[in-house]
Structure formats: structure tokens, C-alpha cells
C-alpha atoms as a PDB file:
ATOM      1  CA  MET A   1      -7.846   3.016   5.099  1.00  0.00           C
ATOM      2  CA  TYR A   2      -6.243   4.819   8.031  1.00  0.00           C
ATOM      3  CA  SER A   3      -4.437   8.162   8.194  1.00  0.00           C
ATOM      4  CA  ASN A   4      -1.096   8.763   9.902  1.00  0.00           C
ATOM      5  CA  HIS A   5      -1.664  12.475  10.613  1.00  0.00           C
ATOM      6  CA  GLU A   6      -2.374  12.819   6.871  1.00  0.00           C
ATOM      7  CA  LEU A   7       1.310  12.219   6.114  1.00  0.00           C
ATOM      8  CA  SER A   8       0.589   8.693   4.896  1.00  0.00           C
ATOM      9  CA  TYR A   9      -2.346   6.343   4.475  1.00  0.00           C
ATOM     10  CA  TYR A  10      -2.277   2.658   5.289  1.00  0.00           C
ATOM     11  CA  GLY A  11      -4.492  -0.361   5.806  1.00  0.00           C
ATOM     12  CA  PRO A  12      -4.583  -4.113   6.489  1.00  0.00           C
ATOM     13  CA  ILE A  13      -3.679  -6.914   4.102  1.00  0.00           C
ATOM     14  CA  GLN A  14      -2.987 -10.609   4.638  1.00  0.00           C
ATOM     15  CA  LEU A  15      -0.077 -12.669   3.341  1.00  0.00           C
ATOM     16  CA  GLY A  16      -0.461 -16.393   3.887  1.00  0.00           C
ATOM     17  CA  GLY A  17      -3.117 -15.686   6.511  1.00  0.00           C
ATOM     18  CA  GLN A  18      -0.914 -13.252   8.474  1.00  0.00           C
ATOM     19  CA  THR A  19      -2.142  -9.668   8.842  1.00  0.00           C
ATOM     20  CA  PHE A  20      -0.041  -6.548   8.251  1.00  0.00           C
ATOM     21  CA  ASN A  21      -0.756  -2.834   8.174  1.00  0.00           C
ATOM     22  CA  VAL A  22       0.999  -1.554   5.060  1.00  0.00           C
ATOM     23  CA  LEU A  23       1.524   1.827   3.452  1.00  0.00           C
ATOM     24  CA  PHE A  24      -0.201   2.165   0.074  1.00  0.00           C
ATOM     25  CA  ASP A  25       2.417   3.490  -2.353  1.00  0.00           C
ATOM     26  CA  SER A  26       1.628   4.519  -5.937  1.00  0.00           C
ATOM     27  CA  GLY A  27       5.299   5.295  -6.611  1.00  0.00           C
ATOM     28  CA  SER A  28       6.654   1.715  -6.479  1.00  0.00           C
ATOM     29  CA  ASP A  29       5.504  -1.747  -7.544  1.00  0.00           C
ATOM     30  CA  VAL A  30       7.059  -3.869  -4.773  1.00  0.00           C
ATOM     31  CA  LEU A  31       5.196  -5.386  -1.813  1.00  0.00           C
ATOM     32  CA  TRP A  32       7.270  -6.095   1.287  1.00  0.00           C
ATOM     33  CA  VAL A  33       6.772  -6.707   4.995  1.00  0.00           C
ATOM     34  CA  PRO A  34       9.201  -7.295   7.899  1.00  0.00           C
ATOM     35  CA  ASP A  35      10.505 -10.817   8.394  1.00  0.00           C
ATOM     36  CA  THR A  36      10.929 -12.565  11.754  1.00  0.00           C
ATOM     37  CA  THR A  37      14.719 -12.276  11.298  1.00  0.00           C
ATOM     38  CA  CYS A  38      14.609  -8.465  11.170  1.00  0.00           C
ATOM     39  CA  ASN A  39      16.650  -6.847  13.954  1.00  0.00           C
ATOM     40  CA  SER A  40      16.418  -3.284  12.634  1.00  0.00           C
ATOM     41  CA  SER A  41      14.869  -0.709  14.959  1.00  0.00           C
ATOM     42  CA  GLU A  42      12.247  -0.031  12.282  1.00  0.00           C
ATOM     43  CA  CYS A  43      10.799  -3.504  12.981  1.00  0.00           C
ATOM     44  CA  ASN A  44      10.167  -2.877  16.678  1.00  0.00           C
ATOM     45  CA  GLY A  45       6.496  -3.276  17.495  1.00  0.00           C
ATOM     46  CA  LYS A  46       5.608  -4.275  13.927  1.00  0.00           C
ATOM     47  CA  SER A  47       3.988  -7.482  12.697  1.00  0.00           C
ATOM     48  CA  ARG A  48       6.576  -9.820  11.176  1.00  0.00           C
ATOM     49  CA  TYR A  49       6.052 -12.467   8.547  1.00  0.00           C
ATOM     50  CA  ASP A  50       6.708 -16.017   9.772  1.00  0.00           C
ATOM     51  CA  VAL A  51       7.490 -18.482   6.978  1.00  0.00           C
ATOM     52  CA  ALA A  52       6.752 -21.430   9.281  1.00  0.00           C
ATOM     53  CA  LYS A  53       3.113 -20.336   9.593  1.00  0.00           C
ATOM     54  CA  ASP A  54       2.472 -20.127   5.847  1.00  0.00           C
ATOM     55  CA  LEU A  55       1.976 -23.425   4.018  1.00  0.00           C
ATOM     56  CA  THR A  56       1.503 -21.598   0.693  1.00  0.00           C
ATOM     57  CA  PHE A  57       4.901 -19.863   0.751  1.00  0.00           C
ATOM     58  CA  ILE A  58       7.338 -20.529  -2.110  1.00  0.00           C
ATOM     59  CA  LYS A  59      10.884 -19.226  -1.702  1.00  0.00           C
ATOM     60  CA  ASN A  60      12.448 -17.184  -4.492  1.00  0.00           C
ATOM     61  CA  THR A  61      15.496 -14.992  -5.032  1.00  0.00           C
ATOM     62  CA  SER A  62      16.493 -12.136  -2.741  1.00  0.00           C
ATOM     63  CA  PHE A  63      15.020  -8.661  -3.123  1.00  0.00           C
ATOM     64  CA  ALA A  64      16.186  -5.098  -2.509  1.00  0.00           C
ATOM     65  CA  ILE A  65      14.513  -1.750  -3.059  1.00  0.00           C
ATOM     66  CA  TYR A  66      15.891   1.760  -2.673  1.00  0.00           C
ATOM     67  CA  TYR A  67      13.856   4.807  -1.700  1.00  0.00           C
ATOM     68  CA  GLY A  68      14.866   8.431  -1.389  1.00  0.00           C
ATOM     69  CA  SER A  69      14.709   8.041   2.398  1.00  0.00           C
ATOM     70  CA  GLY A  70      16.325   4.612   2.797  1.00  0.00           C
ATOM     71  CA  GLN A  71      16.535   1.044   1.598  1.00  0.00           C
ATOM     72  CA  VAL A  72      15.116  -2.389   2.358  1.00  0.00           C
ATOM     73  CA  SER A  73      16.410  -5.868   1.504  1.00  0.00           C
ATOM     74  CA  GLY A  74      15.948  -9.536   2.334  1.00  0.00           C
ATOM     75  CA  ALA A  75      14.593 -12.752   0.866  1.00  0.00           C
ATOM     76  CA  GLY A  76      11.823 -12.901  -1.706  1.00  0.00           C
ATOM     77  CA  GLY A  77       9.004 -15.337  -2.227  1.00  0.00           C
ATOM     78  CA  TYR A  78       5.423 -16.029  -3.255  1.00  0.00           C
ATOM     79  CA  SER A  79       2.272 -16.474  -1.202  1.00  0.00           C
ATOM     80  CA  ASN A  80      -1.457 -15.786  -1.273  1.00  0.00           C
ATOM     81  CA  LEU A  81      -2.406 -12.128  -0.841  1.00  0.00           C
ATOM     82  CA  THR A  82      -5.775 -11.069   0.559  1.00  0.00           C
ATOM     83  CA  ILE A  83      -7.125  -7.543   0.690  1.00  0.00           C
ATOM     84  CA  SER A  84     -10.706  -7.236   1.882  1.00  0.00           C
ATOM     85  CA  ASP A  85     -12.623  -9.999   0.042  1.00  0.00           C
ATOM     86  CA  LEU A  86     -10.132 -10.373  -2.827  1.00  0.00           C
ATOM     87  CA  THR A  87      -7.474 -13.109  -2.747  1.00  0.00           C
ATOM     88  CA  ILE A  88      -4.815 -13.692  -5.397  1.00  0.00           C
ATOM     89  CA  MET A  89      -2.480 -16.653  -5.647  1.00  0.00           C
ATOM     90  CA  ASN A  90       1.314 -16.529  -5.879  1.00  0.00           C
ATOM     91  CA  GLN A  91       1.875 -12.839  -5.154  1.00  0.00           C
ATOM     92  CA  TYR A  92       5.577 -11.991  -5.080  1.00  0.00           C
ATOM     93  CA  PHE A  93       6.727 -10.044  -2.010  1.00  0.00           C
ATOM     94  CA  GLY A  94       9.836  -9.209  -0.054  1.00  0.00           C
ATOM     95  CA  LEU A  95      10.619 -10.597   3.402  1.00  0.00           C
ATOM     96  CA  ALA A  96      12.548  -7.654   4.773  1.00  0.00           C
ATOM     97  CA  SER A  97      15.345  -8.609   7.157  1.00  0.00           C
ATOM     98  CA  LEU A  98      17.446  -5.442   6.742  1.00  0.00           C
ATOM     99  CA  ILE A  99      15.510  -2.190   6.932  1.00  0.00           C
ATOM    100  CA  ASP A 100      17.113   1.243   6.843  1.00  0.00           C
ATOM    101  CA  PHE A 101      13.974   3.307   6.332  1.00  0.00           C
ATOM    102  CA  GLN A 102      13.444   6.099   8.847  1.00  0.00           C
ATOM    103  CA  PRO A 103       9.800   6.899   7.887  1.00  0.00           C
ATOM    104  CA  MET A 104       8.757   3.497   9.249  1.00  0.00           C
ATOM    105  CA  THR A 105      10.439   3.848  12.647  1.00  0.00           C
ATOM    106  CA  PHE A 106       7.558   5.551  14.455  1.00  0.00           C
ATOM    107  CA  ALA A 107       4.825   4.877  11.900  1.00  0.00           C
ATOM    108  CA  PRO A 108       1.763   2.742  12.708  1.00  0.00           C
ATOM    109  CA  TRP A 109       2.396   0.705   9.548  1.00  0.00           C
ATOM    110  CA  GLY A 110       5.086  -1.884   8.859  1.00  0.00           C
ATOM    111  CA  GLY A 111       5.689  -2.616   5.195  1.00  0.00           C
ATOM    112  CA  ILE A 112       4.802  -1.125   1.826  1.00  0.00           C
ATOM    113  CA  PHE A 113       2.207  -2.204  -0.712  1.00  0.00           C
ATOM    114  CA  GLY A 114       3.592  -0.965  -4.041  1.00  0.00           C
ATOM    115  CA  LEU A 115       0.788  -0.215  -6.495  1.00  0.00           C
ATOM    116  CA  GLY A 116       2.745   1.700  -9.134  1.00  0.00           C
ATOM    117  CA  ARG A 117       3.390   0.850 -12.755  1.00  0.00           C
ATOM    118  CA  GLY A 118       5.086  -2.506 -13.254  1.00  0.00           C
ATOM    119  CA  GLN A 119       4.380  -5.987 -11.902  1.00  0.00           C
ATOM    120  CA  SER A 120       2.324  -4.943  -8.900  1.00  0.00           C
ATOM    121  CA  ALA A 121      -0.570  -6.838  -7.339  1.00  0.00           C
ATOM    122  CA  LEU A 122      -2.946  -5.014  -9.690  1.00  0.00           C
ATOM    123  CA  THR A 123      -1.482  -7.021 -12.568  1.00  0.00           C
ATOM    124  CA  LEU A 124      -2.241 -10.320 -10.818  1.00  0.00           C
ATOM    125  CA  PHE A 125      -5.745  -9.210  -9.851  1.00  0.00           C
ATOM    126  CA  LYS A 126      -6.460  -8.786 -13.552  1.00  0.00           C
ATOM    127  CA  GLN A 127      -4.569 -11.885 -14.746  1.00  0.00           C
ATOM    128  CA  GLN A 128      -6.439 -14.098 -12.279  1.00  0.00           C
ATOM    129  CA  GLY A 129      -9.809 -12.733 -13.388  1.00  0.00           C
ATOM    130  CA  LEU A 130     -10.742 -10.865 -10.208  1.00  0.00           C
ATOM    131  CA  ILE A 131     -10.992  -7.513 -11.999  1.00  0.00           C
ATOM    132  CA  ASN A 132     -11.471  -6.516 -15.634  1.00  0.00           C
ATOM    133  CA  SER A 133      -9.155  -3.511 -15.694  1.00  0.00           C
ATOM    134  CA  SER A 134      -6.129  -2.464 -13.648  1.00  0.00           C
ATOM    135  CA  GLN A 135      -7.618   0.639 -12.075  1.00  0.00           C
ATOM    136  CA  MET A 136      -7.430   1.856  -8.504  1.00  0.00           C
ATOM    137  CA  ALA A 137      -8.777   4.959  -6.825  1.00  0.00           C
ATOM    138  CA  PHE A 138      -8.124   6.825  -3.600  1.00  0.00           C
ATOM    139  CA  LYS A 139     -10.249   9.263  -1.672  1.00  0.00           C
ATOM    140  CA  PHE A 140      -8.340  10.686   1.298  1.00  0.00           C
ATOM    141  CA  GLY A 141     -10.258  11.831   4.366  1.00  0.00           C
ATOM    142  CA  ARG A 142      -9.488  15.267   5.781  1.00  0.00           C
ATOM    143  CA  ASP A 143     -10.591  14.928   9.403  1.00  0.00           C
ATOM    144  CA  ASN A 144     -12.415  12.696  11.872  1.00  0.00           C
ATOM    145  CA  GLU A 145     -15.706  13.279  10.084  1.00  0.00           C
ATOM    146  CA  THR A 146     -14.479  12.144   6.667  1.00  0.00           C
ATOM    147  CA  VAL A 147     -14.067   8.585   5.419  1.00  0.00           C
ATOM    148  CA  SER A 148     -11.036   7.490   3.388  1.00  0.00           C
ATOM    149  CA  HIS A 149     -11.496   4.971   0.589  1.00  0.00           C
ATOM    150  CA  PHE A 150      -9.229   2.666  -1.412  1.00  0.00           C
ATOM    151  CA  THR A 151     -10.949   1.175  -4.443  1.00  0.00           C
ATOM    152  CA  ILE A 152      -9.733  -1.353  -7.016  1.00  0.00           C
ATOM    153  CA  GLU A 153     -11.805  -1.113 -10.185  1.00  0.00           C
ATOM    154  CA  ASN A 154     -15.312  -0.623  -8.766  1.00  0.00           C
ATOM    155  CA  ARG A 155     -14.736  -2.486  -5.490  1.00  0.00           C
ATOM    156  CA  ASP A 156     -14.409  -0.357  -2.359  1.00  0.00           C
ATOM    157  CA  LEU A 157     -11.870  -2.452  -0.443  1.00  0.00           C
ATOM    158  CA  ILE A 158     -10.923  -0.295   2.525  1.00  0.00           C
ATOM    159  CA  ASP A 159     -12.774   2.584   4.118  1.00  0.00           C
ATOM    160  CA  HIS A 160     -12.207   4.104   7.493  1.00  0.00           C
ATOM    161  CA  THR A 161     -12.559   7.429   9.239  1.00  0.00           C
ATOM    162  CA  ALA A 162      -9.242   9.258   9.129  1.00  0.00           C
ATOM    163  CA  SER A 163      -7.519  10.679  12.185  1.00  0.00           C
ATOM    164  CA  LYS A 164      -7.460  14.440  12.622  1.00  0.00           C
ATOM    165  CA  ASP A 165      -4.490  16.243  11.099  1.00  0.00           C
ATOM    166  CA  ASN A 166      -2.036  18.674  12.681  1.00  0.00           C
ATOM    167  CA  GLY A 167      -2.239  20.960   9.645  1.00  0.00           C
ATOM    168  CA  THR A 168       0.980  19.826   7.988  1.00  0.00           C
ATOM    169  CA  CYS A 169       0.966  19.156   4.240  1.00  0.00           C
ATOM    170  CA  LYS A 170       3.639  17.187   2.445  1.00  0.00           C
ATOM    171  CA  GLY A 171       4.136  15.846  -1.052  1.00  0.00           C
ATOM    172  CA  THR A 172       5.022  16.900  -4.577  1.00  0.00           C
ATOM    173  CA  ILE A 173       4.543  16.005  -8.218  1.00  0.00           C
ATOM    174  CA  GLN A 174       7.519  14.034  -9.497  1.00  0.00           C
ATOM    175  CA  ILE A 175       8.186  13.227 -13.147  1.00  0.00           C
ATOM    176  CA  GLY A 176       8.236   9.492 -13.895  1.00  0.00           C
ATOM    177  CA  ASP A 177       6.315   8.407 -10.783  1.00  0.00           C
ATOM    178  CA  TRP A 178       2.807   8.777  -9.454  1.00  0.00           C
ATOM    179  CA  ILE A 179       3.585  11.027  -6.505  1.00  0.00           C
ATOM    180  CA  LEU A 180       1.087  13.807  -5.829  1.00  0.00           C
ATOM    181  CA  GLY A 181       0.702  16.196  -2.910  1.00  0.00           C
ATOM    182  CA  LEU A 182      -1.978  15.420  -0.348  1.00  0.00           C
ATOM    183  CA  SER A 183      -3.095  19.049  -0.346  1.00  0.00           C
ATOM    184  CA  PHE A 184      -4.339  18.340  -3.867  1.00  0.00           C
ATOM    185  CA  LEU A 185      -5.441  14.713  -3.478  1.00  0.00           C
ATOM    186  CA  LYS A 186      -7.646  15.418  -0.468  1.00  0.00           C
ATOM    187  CA  ASN A 187      -9.891  17.556  -2.679  1.00  0.00           C
ATOM    188  CA  VAL A 188     -10.536  15.035  -5.458  1.00  0.00           C
ATOM    189  CA  TYR A 189     -11.172  11.415  -6.253  1.00  0.00           C
ATOM    190  CA  SER A 190      -7.956  10.188  -7.892  1.00  0.00           C
ATOM    191  CA  ILE A 191      -8.110   7.241 -10.301  1.00  0.00           C
ATOM    192  CA  PHE A 192      -4.912   5.433 -11.350  1.00  0.00           C
ATOM    193  CA  ASP A 193      -5.384   3.617 -14.680  1.00  0.00           C
ATOM    194  CA  VAL A 194      -2.427   1.236 -14.935  1.00  0.00           C
ATOM    195  CA  ASP A 195      -3.576  -0.307 -18.222  1.00  0.00           C
ATOM    196  CA  ASN A 196      -3.380   3.044 -20.010  1.00  0.00           C
ATOM    197  CA  SER A 197      -0.651   4.729 -17.903  1.00  0.00           C
ATOM    198  CA  ARG A 198      -2.828   7.653 -16.936  1.00  0.00           C
ATOM    199  CA  ILE A 199      -4.385   9.321 -13.908  1.00  0.00           C
ATOM    200  CA  GLY A 200      -7.869  10.799 -13.749  1.00  0.00           C
ATOM    201  CA  PHE A 201      -9.441  13.146 -11.214  1.00  0.00           C
ATOM    202  CA  ALA A 202     -13.032  13.883 -10.284  1.00  0.00           C
ATOM    203  CA  ALA A 203     -14.474  16.522  -7.995  1.00  0.00           C
ATOM    204  CA  LEU A 204     -15.730  15.396  -4.594  1.00  0.00           C
ATOM    205  CA  ASN A 205     -19.476  15.316  -4.169  1.00  0.00           C
ATOM    206  CA  THR A 206     -19.814  17.231  -0.913  1.00  0.00           C
ATOM    207  CA  ASN A 207     -23.561  16.580  -0.811  1.00  0.00           C
ATOM    208  CA  VAL A 208     -23.118  12.845  -0.265  1.00  0.00           C
ATOM    209  CA  THR A 209     -22.592  11.553   3.266  1.00  0.00           C
ATOM    210  CA  THR A 210     -20.939   8.234   4.115  1.00  0.00           C
END
């Protein structure tokens, strides 16, 4: 998992064999990536999903999602989703053709992997027997010497040394969503238990090196 100056954390996934760097978002349950038809400036330099290259794609209804900092819309469909060594069949996702989402304009990621409460990929991981419980955990690196981790159940899917920060902290705790400040999250292991609608925290073991 990579750090964008500790303002956001992102990593690679595959949809129908095509690779995208996506932002991991615990505050939504929608997965979307830019489509080849996207002409928005936010899509410049980003990987775009090409339906013609995915034989597993099944078209569905349109999708739209609204964030506090913008909105995204386009077609919707199903394909195979791979993250690390886990692959699930028929994951719903949005093919974003209209993107009005300023945070993505200069970001190194293009697309959002919603992991919040609802019908997120965690639900399919469990339904298809790849995991026993819908739990995910994050450990955010603080500098170039610290590794960031994204874990589903007990499987460490993405780990990578984070880039050094400029000292800026952002974030808040918002009622109704899982949105927590990085100044807090960087000091704990955070475990999101979707099955029981709860979050757990554990102190970092500073004596262990990775």
C-alpha cells in the first residue's frame, strides 16, 4: 500500500486483468475506475478500463456516487476482481465516464475501492468462501522506514514502504461513516469488522521490524 504524502493511501487491484491504482476508502462501498470514454481532466494520465479487453465483463445499469468533494457517474457492470492472490467473480463496479472529483486530479491513484458498510467487495470475498469473516485492517506507515499494510481477515494483501510526509495531517471522525484522522490511525492497528459493525484498535508493536 502506497502513501500520497500521508493524505491518502492506495494500491493496485485488477479488474478483468487490467491493473489500476485505487484509493482505499472505508467511508463508501462502491468500487469505480475511469472508463476509456472519460474526457474529464481527472482522468489524464490515469489507467482506464477498456471493456473490449475484458471477456468476463457483464454490463449492468448506470451508476453515480456523490462525495463531499465531487461526484462520479457512468456505466456499471460486473467483472472479476483480483487483489494480491485473491480473486472474486462478478464484482460490481462503476465505469466512470464523468468525473468531477478534484482530489483525483493530481493524485497518483485513479479510482476508489469502497470498503465501507454495505455491498462492498468484502461481502463477496466472504460469500465466495475466500474468507471466513468480513474483517479488514490497516496499518499506515509514517515515513520511508515504515511499511504500510492492508489486511483482509488474516491475509496481508498489500504492504509497501510509505513515502515521507510533509508534516500535514488531515481527517476527522464523522458520525455514520468510518472516517478517522490519520494522526490517530498512524499510531495503531485499525481493524474494521463489517460483520458486527464495529472497529477495533491495537497498539503498534514498536519492537517488531518488517
